[in-house]
Amino acid sequence: SLRGTPALLNFWYAACAPCRVEAPHLVSLHEQFAPQGVRFLGVNVRDTVTTAQAFERTFEIPYPSIEDARGEVLLNMTDYVPPQA
């Protein structure tokens, strides 16, 4: 559903230190660019639902996230970003 629109995908999990550091910056970017039509989507690669929801509450994440513990979304992006990135 993101095809053809500007979008930011953020791959994350709650215990990831860089993810915790970047979360407030992503919230700020969302506030700045979502009104211009940029869509934001978090892709949680590891957590249970309750852990992911706690992270989203803690950092007041305003955009949706999907669960990708099997890595399907991540692997579909390998033409653009290495999975280890």
PDB file of N, CA and C in Angstrom:
ATOM      1  N   SER A   1       0.818  -1.207   0.000  1.00  0.00           N
ATOM      2  CA  SER A   1       0.000   0.000   0.000  1.00  0.00           C
ATOM      3  C   SER A   1       0.861   1.271   0.000  1.00  0.00           C
ATOM      4  N   LEU A   2       2.158   1.126   0.212  1.00  0.00           N
ATOM      5  CA  LEU A   2       3.047   2.292   0.206  1.00  0.00           C
ATOM      6  C   LEU A   2       3.604   2.595  -1.186  1.00  0.00           C
ATOM      7  N   ARG A   3       3.416   1.676  -2.105  1.00  0.00           N
ATOM      8  CA  ARG A   3       3.979   1.847  -3.444  1.00  0.00           C
ATOM      9  C   ARG A   3       3.484   3.145  -4.086  1.00  0.00           C
ATOM     10  N   GLY A   4       4.428   3.921  -4.603  1.00  0.00           N
ATOM     11  CA  GLY A   4       4.087   5.149  -5.306  1.00  0.00           C
ATOM     12  C   GLY A   4       3.966   6.384  -4.430  1.00  0.00           C
ATOM     13  N   THR A   5       4.133   6.226  -3.128  1.00  0.00           N
ATOM     14  CA  THR A   5       4.076   7.377  -2.232  1.00  0.00           C
ATOM     15  C   THR A   5       5.393   7.471  -1.468  1.00  0.00           C
ATOM     16  N   PRO A   6       5.812   8.666  -1.117  1.00  0.00           N
ATOM     17  CA  PRO A   6       7.021   8.778  -0.289  1.00  0.00           C
ATOM     18  C   PRO A   6       6.769   8.098   1.052  1.00  0.00           C
ATOM     19  N   ALA A   7       7.726   7.293   1.469  1.00  0.00           N
ATOM     20  CA  ALA A   7       7.541   6.553   2.713  1.00  0.00           C
ATOM     21  C   ALA A   7       8.869   6.379   3.438  1.00  0.00           C
ATOM     22  N   LEU A   8       8.770   6.286   4.740  1.00  0.00           N
ATOM     23  CA  LEU A   8       9.920   5.972   5.572  1.00  0.00           C
ATOM     24  C   LEU A   8       9.594   4.684   6.315  1.00  0.00           C
ATOM     25  N   LEU A   9      10.419   3.663   6.098  1.00  0.00           N
ATOM     26  CA  LEU A   9      10.297   2.405   6.839  1.00  0.00           C
ATOM     27  C   LEU A   9      11.373   2.396   7.895  1.00  0.00           C
ATOM     28  N   ASN A  10      10.979   2.088   9.122  1.00  0.00           N
ATOM     29  CA  ASN A  10      11.938   2.003  10.210  1.00  0.00           C
ATOM     30  C   ASN A  10      11.886   0.598  10.799  1.00  0.00           C
ATOM     31  N   PHE A  11      12.971  -0.151  10.631  1.00  0.00           N
ATOM     32  CA  PHE A  11      13.084  -1.486  11.204  1.00  0.00           C
ATOM     33  C   PHE A  11      13.615  -1.333  12.622  1.00  0.00           C
ATOM     34  N   TRP A  12      12.938  -1.925  13.595  1.00  0.00           N
ATOM     35  CA  TRP A  12      13.293  -1.684  14.981  1.00  0.00           C
ATOM     36  C   TRP A  12      12.910  -2.856  15.874  1.00  0.00           C
ATOM     37  N   TYR A  13      13.464  -2.846  17.087  1.00  0.00           N
ATOM     38  CA  TYR A  13      12.994  -3.684  18.186  1.00  0.00           C
ATOM     39  C   TYR A  13      13.343  -2.972  19.483  1.00  0.00           C
ATOM     40  N   ALA A  14      12.614  -3.276  20.541  1.00  0.00           N
ATOM     41  CA  ALA A  14      12.648  -2.486  21.766  1.00  0.00           C
ATOM     42  C   ALA A  14      14.009  -2.455  22.458  1.00  0.00           C
ATOM     43  N   ALA A  15      14.765  -3.535  22.427  1.00  0.00           N
ATOM     44  CA  ALA A  15      16.052  -3.577  23.135  1.00  0.00           C
ATOM     45  C   ALA A  15      17.208  -3.024  22.308  1.00  0.00           C
ATOM     46  N   CYS A  16      16.939  -2.581  21.117  1.00  0.00           N
ATOM     47  CA  CYS A  16      17.961  -2.030  20.219  1.00  0.00           C
ATOM     48  C   CYS A  16      18.315  -0.614  20.678  1.00  0.00           C
ATOM     49  N   ALA A  17      19.552  -0.445  21.151  1.00  0.00           N
ATOM     50  CA  ALA A  17      19.968   0.882  21.654  1.00  0.00           C
ATOM     51  C   ALA A  17      19.861   1.967  20.594  1.00  0.00           C
ATOM     52  N   PRO A  18      20.339   1.759  19.362  1.00  0.00           N
ATOM     53  CA  PRO A  18      20.175   2.808  18.349  1.00  0.00           C
ATOM     54  C   PRO A  18      18.702   3.111  18.044  1.00  0.00           C
ATOM     55  N   CYS A  19      17.852   2.096  18.142  1.00  0.00           N
ATOM     56  CA  CYS A  19      16.421   2.312  17.892  1.00  0.00           C
ATOM     57  C   CYS A  19      15.825   3.238  18.950  1.00  0.00           C
ATOM     58  N   ARG A  20      16.277   3.092  20.180  1.00  0.00           N
ATOM     59  CA  ARG A  20      15.790   3.936  21.270  1.00  0.00           C
ATOM     60  C   ARG A  20      16.279   5.374  21.100  1.00  0.00           C
ATOM     61  N   VAL A  21      17.494   5.533  20.603  1.00  0.00           N
ATOM     62  CA  VAL A  21      18.041   6.875  20.377  1.00  0.00           C
ATOM     63  C   VAL A  21      17.320   7.569  19.225  1.00  0.00           C
ATOM     64  N   GLU A  22      17.031   6.827  18.165  1.00  0.00           N
ATOM     65  CA  GLU A  22      16.436   7.458  16.985  1.00  0.00           C
ATOM     66  C   GLU A  22      14.928   7.672  17.097  1.00  0.00           C
ATOM     67  N   ALA A  23      14.265   6.995  18.031  1.00  0.00           N
ATOM     68  CA  ALA A  23      12.806   7.085  18.141  1.00  0.00           C
ATOM     69  C   ALA A  23      12.292   8.526  18.255  1.00  0.00           C
ATOM     70  N   PRO A  24      12.837   9.362  19.137  1.00  0.00           N
ATOM     71  CA  PRO A  24      12.337  10.743  19.210  1.00  0.00           C
ATOM     72  C   PRO A  24      12.568  11.523  17.908  1.00  0.00           C
ATOM     73  N   HIS A  25      13.644  11.224  17.222  1.00  0.00           N
ATOM     74  CA  HIS A  25      13.919  11.904  15.949  1.00  0.00           C
ATOM     75  C   HIS A  25      12.904  11.492  14.883  1.00  0.00           C
ATOM     76  N   LEU A  26      12.530  10.217  14.888  1.00  0.00           N
ATOM     77  CA  LEU A  26      11.526   9.749  13.932  1.00  0.00           C
ATOM     78  C   LEU A  26      10.164  10.365  14.227  1.00  0.00           C
ATOM     79  N   VAL A  27       9.837  10.529  15.500  1.00  0.00           N
ATOM     80  CA  VAL A  27       8.583  11.197  15.864  1.00  0.00           C
ATOM     81  C   VAL A  27       8.596  12.626  15.326  1.00  0.00           C
ATOM     82  N   SER A  28       9.707  13.308  15.478  1.00  0.00           N
ATOM     83  CA  SER A  28       9.835  14.677  14.975  1.00  0.00           C
ATOM     84  C   SER A  28       9.715  14.724  13.455  1.00  0.00           C
ATOM     85  N   LEU A  29      10.366  13.789  12.780  1.00  0.00           N
ATOM     86  CA  LEU A  29      10.263  13.728  11.320  1.00  0.00           C
ATOM     87  C   LEU A  29       8.832  13.459  10.880  1.00  0.00           C
ATOM     88  N   HIS A  30       8.150  12.595  11.614  1.00  0.00           N
ATOM     89  CA  HIS A  30       6.749  12.320  11.294  1.00  0.00           C
ATOM     90  C   HIS A  30       5.910  13.591  11.416  1.00  0.00           C
ATOM     91  N   GLU A  31       6.106  14.325  12.496  1.00  0.00           N
ATOM     92  CA  GLU A  31       5.356  15.578  12.686  1.00  0.00           C
ATOM     93  C   GLU A  31       5.626  16.559  11.553  1.00  0.00           C
ATOM     94  N   GLN A  32       6.862  16.566  11.070  1.00  0.00           N
ATOM     95  CA  GLN A  32       7.247  17.516  10.023  1.00  0.00           C
ATOM     96  C   GLN A  32       6.755  17.089   8.641  1.00  0.00           C
ATOM     97  N   PHE A  33       6.854  15.803   8.316  1.00  0.00           N
ATOM     98  CA  PHE A  33       6.632  15.372   6.938  1.00  0.00           C
ATOM     99  C   PHE A  33       5.313  14.643   6.675  1.00  0.00           C
ATOM    100  N   ALA A  34       4.674  14.103   7.675  1.00  0.00           N
ATOM    101  CA  ALA A  34       3.396  13.420   7.449  1.00  0.00           C
ATOM    102  C   ALA A  34       2.347  14.358   6.853  1.00  0.00           C
ATOM    103  N   PRO A  35       2.273  15.630   7.296  1.00  0.00           N
ATOM    104  CA  PRO A  35       1.294  16.534   6.678  1.00  0.00           C
ATOM    105  C   PRO A  35       1.553  16.775   5.186  1.00  0.00           C
ATOM    106  N   GLN A  36       2.766  16.511   4.744  1.00  0.00           N
ATOM    107  CA  GLN A  36       3.107  16.675   3.322  1.00  0.00           C
ATOM    108  C   GLN A  36       2.878  15.385   2.528  1.00  0.00           C
ATOM    109  N   GLY A  37       2.365  14.347   3.196  1.00  0.00           N
ATOM    110  CA  GLY A  37       2.031  13.111   2.503  1.00  0.00           C
ATOM    111  C   GLY A  37       3.031  11.981   2.642  1.00  0.00           C
ATOM    112  N   VAL A  38       4.094  12.189   3.410  1.00  0.00           N
ATOM    113  CA  VAL A  38       5.057  11.106   3.618  1.00  0.00           C
ATOM    114  C   VAL A  38       4.446  10.125   4.609  1.00  0.00           C
ATOM    115  N   ARG A  39       4.451   8.854   4.239  1.00  0.00           N
ATOM    116  CA  ARG A  39       3.910   7.817   5.110  1.00  0.00           C
ATOM    117  C   ARG A  39       5.038   7.187   5.909  1.00  0.00           C
ATOM    118  N   PHE A  40       4.786   6.896   7.149  1.00  0.00           N
ATOM    119  CA  PHE A  40       5.750   6.278   8.050  1.00  0.00           C
ATOM    120  C   PHE A  40       5.216   4.922   8.468  1.00  0.00           C
ATOM    121  N   LEU A  41       6.115   3.940   8.528  1.00  0.00           N
ATOM    122  CA  LEU A  41       5.734   2.608   8.980  1.00  0.00           C
ATOM    123  C   LEU A  41       6.897   1.989   9.734  1.00  0.00           C
ATOM    124  N   GLY A  42       6.638   1.575  10.956  1.00  0.00           N
ATOM    125  CA  GLY A  42       7.624   0.838  11.723  1.00  0.00           C
ATOM    126  C   GLY A  42       7.506  -0.641  11.400  1.00  0.00           C
ATOM    127  N   VAL A  43       8.640  -1.323  11.388  1.00  0.00           N
ATOM    128  CA  VAL A  43       8.664  -2.762  11.149  1.00  0.00           C
ATOM    129  C   VAL A  43       9.413  -3.389  12.315  1.00  0.00           C
ATOM    130  N   ASN A  44       8.659  -4.020  13.209  1.00  0.00           N
ATOM    131  CA  ASN A  44       9.268  -4.618  14.396  1.00  0.00           C
ATOM    132  C   ASN A  44       9.768  -6.011  14.048  1.00  0.00           C
ATOM    133  N   VAL A  45      11.058  -6.212  14.218  1.00  0.00           N
ATOM    134  CA  VAL A  45      11.679  -7.455  13.761  1.00  0.00           C
ATOM    135  C   VAL A  45      11.904  -8.492  14.859  1.00  0.00           C
ATOM    136  N   ARG A  46      11.456  -8.221  16.089  1.00  0.00           N
ATOM    137  CA  ARG A  46      11.821  -9.161  17.145  1.00  0.00           C
ATOM    138  C   ARG A  46      10.824  -9.302  18.291  1.00  0.00           C
ATOM    139  N   ASP A  47      10.110  -8.274  18.662  1.00  0.00           N
ATOM    140  CA  ASP A  47       9.391  -8.229  19.933  1.00  0.00           C
ATOM    141  C   ASP A  47       8.041  -8.926  19.928  1.00  0.00           C
ATOM    142  N   THR A  48       7.593  -9.264  21.146  1.00  0.00           N
ATOM    143  CA  THR A  48       6.212  -9.681  21.330  1.00  0.00           C
ATOM    144  C   THR A  48       5.323  -8.442  21.188  1.00  0.00           C
ATOM    145  N   VAL A  49       4.043  -8.662  21.049  1.00  0.00           N
ATOM    146  CA  VAL A  49       3.115  -7.541  20.895  1.00  0.00           C
ATOM    147  C   VAL A  49       3.187  -6.604  22.096  1.00  0.00           C
ATOM    148  N   THR A  50       3.190  -7.139  23.304  1.00  0.00           N
ATOM    149  CA  THR A  50       3.181  -6.277  24.492  1.00  0.00           C
ATOM    150  C   THR A  50       4.476  -5.478  24.613  1.00  0.00           C
ATOM    151  N   THR A  51       5.607  -6.075  24.278  1.00  0.00           N
ATOM    152  CA  THR A  51       6.879  -5.351  24.327  1.00  0.00           C
ATOM    153  C   THR A  51       6.897  -4.238  23.289  1.00  0.00           C
ATOM    154  N   ALA A  52       6.431  -4.538  22.087  1.00  0.00           N
ATOM    155  CA  ALA A  52       6.385  -3.522  21.035  1.00  0.00           C
ATOM    156  C   ALA A  52       5.449  -2.374  21.418  1.00  0.00           C
ATOM    157  N   GLN A  53       4.306  -2.706  21.971  1.00  0.00           N
ATOM    158  CA  GLN A  53       3.363  -1.665  22.379  1.00  0.00           C
ATOM    159  C   GLN A  53       3.934  -0.795  23.489  1.00  0.00           C
ATOM    160  N   ALA A  54       4.660  -1.386  24.411  1.00  0.00           N
ATOM    161  CA  ALA A  54       5.280  -0.609  25.491  1.00  0.00           C
ATOM    162  C   ALA A  54       6.304   0.373  24.925  1.00  0.00           C
ATOM    163  N   PHE A  55       7.107  -0.071  23.973  1.00  0.00           N
ATOM    164  CA  PHE A  55       8.083   0.813  23.318  1.00  0.00           C
ATOM    165  C   PHE A  55       7.356   1.977  22.642  1.00  0.00           C
ATOM    166  N   GLU A  56       6.308   1.666  21.903  1.00  0.00           N
ATOM    167  CA  GLU A  56       5.563   2.699  21.188  1.00  0.00           C
ATOM    168  C   GLU A  56       4.921   3.701  22.146  1.00  0.00           C
ATOM    169  N   ARG A  57       4.435   3.221  23.287  1.00  0.00           N
ATOM    170  CA  ARG A  57       3.877   4.145  24.301  1.00  0.00           C
ATOM    171  C   ARG A  57       4.969   5.005  24.911  1.00  0.00           C
ATOM    172  N   THR A  58       6.096   4.393  25.259  1.00  0.00           N
ATOM    173  CA  THR A  58       7.199   5.112  25.901  1.00  0.00           C
ATOM    174  C   THR A  58       7.684   6.256  25.030  1.00  0.00           C
ATOM    175  N   PHE A  59       7.823   5.999  23.748  1.00  0.00           N
ATOM    176  CA  PHE A  59       8.363   7.012  22.839  1.00  0.00           C
ATOM    177  C   PHE A  59       7.278   7.773  22.076  1.00  0.00           C
ATOM    178  N   GLU A  60       6.016   7.491  22.410  1.00  0.00           N
ATOM    179  CA  GLU A  60       4.870   8.183  21.800  1.00  0.00           C
ATOM    180  C   GLU A  60       4.943   8.139  20.276  1.00  0.00           C
ATOM    181  N   ILE A  61       5.144   6.950  19.750  1.00  0.00           N
ATOM    182  CA  ILE A  61       5.239   6.749  18.303  1.00  0.00           C
ATOM    183  C   ILE A  61       3.851   6.954  17.695  1.00  0.00           C
ATOM    184  N   PRO A  62       3.690   7.934  16.797  1.00  0.00           N
ATOM    185  CA  PRO A  62       2.366   8.243  16.267  1.00  0.00           C
ATOM    186  C   PRO A  62       1.973   7.453  15.023  1.00  0.00           C
ATOM    187  N   TYR A  63       2.910   6.740  14.434  1.00  0.00           N
ATOM    188  CA  TYR A  63       2.626   6.014  13.194  1.00  0.00           C
ATOM    189  C   TYR A  63       2.560   4.517  13.483  1.00  0.00           C
ATOM    190  N   PRO A  64       1.927   3.755  12.603  1.00  0.00           N
ATOM    191  CA  PRO A  64       1.764   2.325  12.864  1.00  0.00           C
ATOM    192  C   PRO A  64       3.058   1.544  12.674  1.00  0.00           C
ATOM    193  N   SER A  65       3.087   0.395  13.315  1.00  0.00           N
ATOM    194  CA  SER A  65       4.152  -0.583  13.117  1.00  0.00           C
ATOM    195  C   SER A  65       3.514  -1.928  12.821  1.00  0.00           C
ATOM    196  N   ILE A  66       4.238  -2.734  12.092  1.00  0.00           N
ATOM    197  CA  ILE A  66       3.809  -4.106  11.841  1.00  0.00           C
ATOM    198  C   ILE A  66       4.847  -5.053  12.412  1.00  0.00           C
ATOM    199  N   GLU A  67       4.433  -6.261  12.705  1.00  0.00           N
ATOM    200  CA  GLU A  67       5.313  -7.296  13.236  1.00  0.00           C
ATOM    201  C   GLU A  67       5.944  -8.045  12.063  1.00  0.00           C
ATOM    202  N   ASP A  68       7.255  -8.260  12.138  1.00  0.00           N
ATOM    203  CA  ASP A  68       7.965  -8.969  11.070  1.00  0.00           C
ATOM    204  C   ASP A  68       9.006  -9.925  11.653  1.00  0.00           C
ATOM    205  N   ALA A  69       8.613 -10.689  12.670  1.00  0.00           N
ATOM    206  CA  ALA A  69       9.555 -11.604  13.329  1.00  0.00           C
ATOM    207  C   ALA A  69      10.109 -12.647  12.365  1.00  0.00           C
ATOM    208  N   ARG A  70       9.366 -12.997  11.338  1.00  0.00           N
ATOM    209  CA  ARG A  70       9.851 -13.973  10.349  1.00  0.00           C
ATOM    210  C   ARG A  70      10.779 -13.345   9.321  1.00  0.00           C
ATOM    211  N   GLY A  71      10.858 -12.014   9.305  1.00  0.00           N
ATOM    212  CA  GLY A  71      11.788 -11.327   8.419  1.00  0.00           C
ATOM    213  C   GLY A  71      11.336 -11.178   6.985  1.00  0.00           C
ATOM    214  N   GLU A  72      10.070 -11.375   6.710  1.00  0.00           N
ATOM    215  CA  GLU A  72       9.579 -11.298   5.333  1.00  0.00           C
ATOM    216  C   GLU A  72       9.708  -9.895   4.745  1.00  0.00           C
ATOM    217  N   VAL A  73       9.327  -8.884   5.514  1.00  0.00           N
ATOM    218  CA  VAL A  73       9.438  -7.508   5.020  1.00  0.00           C
ATOM    219  C   VAL A  73      10.908  -7.149   4.840  1.00  0.00           C
ATOM    220  N   LEU A  74      11.709  -7.491   5.829  1.00  0.00           N
ATOM    221  CA  LEU A  74      13.143  -7.214   5.771  1.00  0.00           C
ATOM    222  C   LEU A  74      13.775  -7.842   4.536  1.00  0.00           C
ATOM    223  N   LEU A  75      13.470  -9.094   4.267  1.00  0.00           N
ATOM    224  CA  LEU A  75      14.055  -9.764   3.101  1.00  0.00           C
ATOM    225  C   LEU A  75      13.561  -9.168   1.784  1.00  0.00           C
ATOM    226  N   ASN A  76      12.332  -8.671   1.760  1.00  0.00           N
ATOM    227  CA  ASN A  76      11.818  -8.032   0.549  1.00  0.00           C
ATOM    228  C   ASN A  76      12.500  -6.702   0.257  1.00  0.00           C
ATOM    229  N   MET A  77      13.206  -6.161   1.237  1.00  0.00           N
ATOM    230  CA  MET A  77      13.882  -4.878   1.052  1.00  0.00           C
ATOM    231  C   MET A  77      15.362  -5.037   0.700  1.00  0.00           C
ATOM    232  N   THR A  78      15.855  -6.273   0.547  1.00  0.00           N
ATOM    233  CA  THR A  78      17.291  -6.493   0.350  1.00  0.00           C
ATOM    234  C   THR A  78      17.826  -5.893  -0.945  1.00  0.00           C
ATOM    235  N   ASP A  79      16.974  -5.588  -1.916  1.00  0.00           N
ATOM    236  CA  ASP A  79      17.443  -4.900  -3.120  1.00  0.00           C
ATOM    237  C   ASP A  79      17.857  -3.462  -2.812  1.00  0.00           C
ATOM    238  N   TYR A  80      17.373  -2.943  -1.695  1.00  0.00           N
ATOM    239  CA  TYR A  80      17.597  -1.545  -1.350  1.00  0.00           C
ATOM    240  C   TYR A  80      18.497  -1.346  -0.153  1.00  0.00           C
ATOM    241  N   VAL A  81      18.387  -2.246   0.823  1.00  0.00           N
ATOM    242  CA  VAL A  81      19.148  -2.112   2.074  1.00  0.00           C
ATOM    243  C   VAL A  81      19.599  -3.510   2.510  1.00  0.00           C
ATOM    244  N   PRO A  82      20.874  -3.680   2.849  1.00  0.00           N
ATOM    245  CA  PRO A  82      21.313  -4.985   3.354  1.00  0.00           C
ATOM    246  C   PRO A  82      20.604  -5.312   4.672  1.00  0.00           C
ATOM    247  N   PRO A  83      20.216  -6.568   4.883  1.00  0.00           N
ATOM    248  CA  PRO A  83      19.512  -6.929   6.114  1.00  0.00           C
ATOM    249  C   PRO A  83      20.289  -6.578   7.384  1.00  0.00           C
ATOM    250  N   GLN A  84      21.602  -6.586   7.345  1.00  0.00           N
ATOM    251  CA  GLN A  84      22.396  -6.280   8.527  1.00  0.00           C
ATOM    252  C   GLN A  84      22.381  -4.797   8.855  1.00  0.00           C
ATOM    253  N   ALA A  85      21.977  -3.947   7.931  1.00  0.00           N
ATOM    254  CA  ALA A  85      21.933  -2.514   8.175  1.00  0.00           C
ATOM    255  C   ALA A  85      20.856  -2.204   9.178  1.00  0.00           C
TER     256      ALA A  85
END
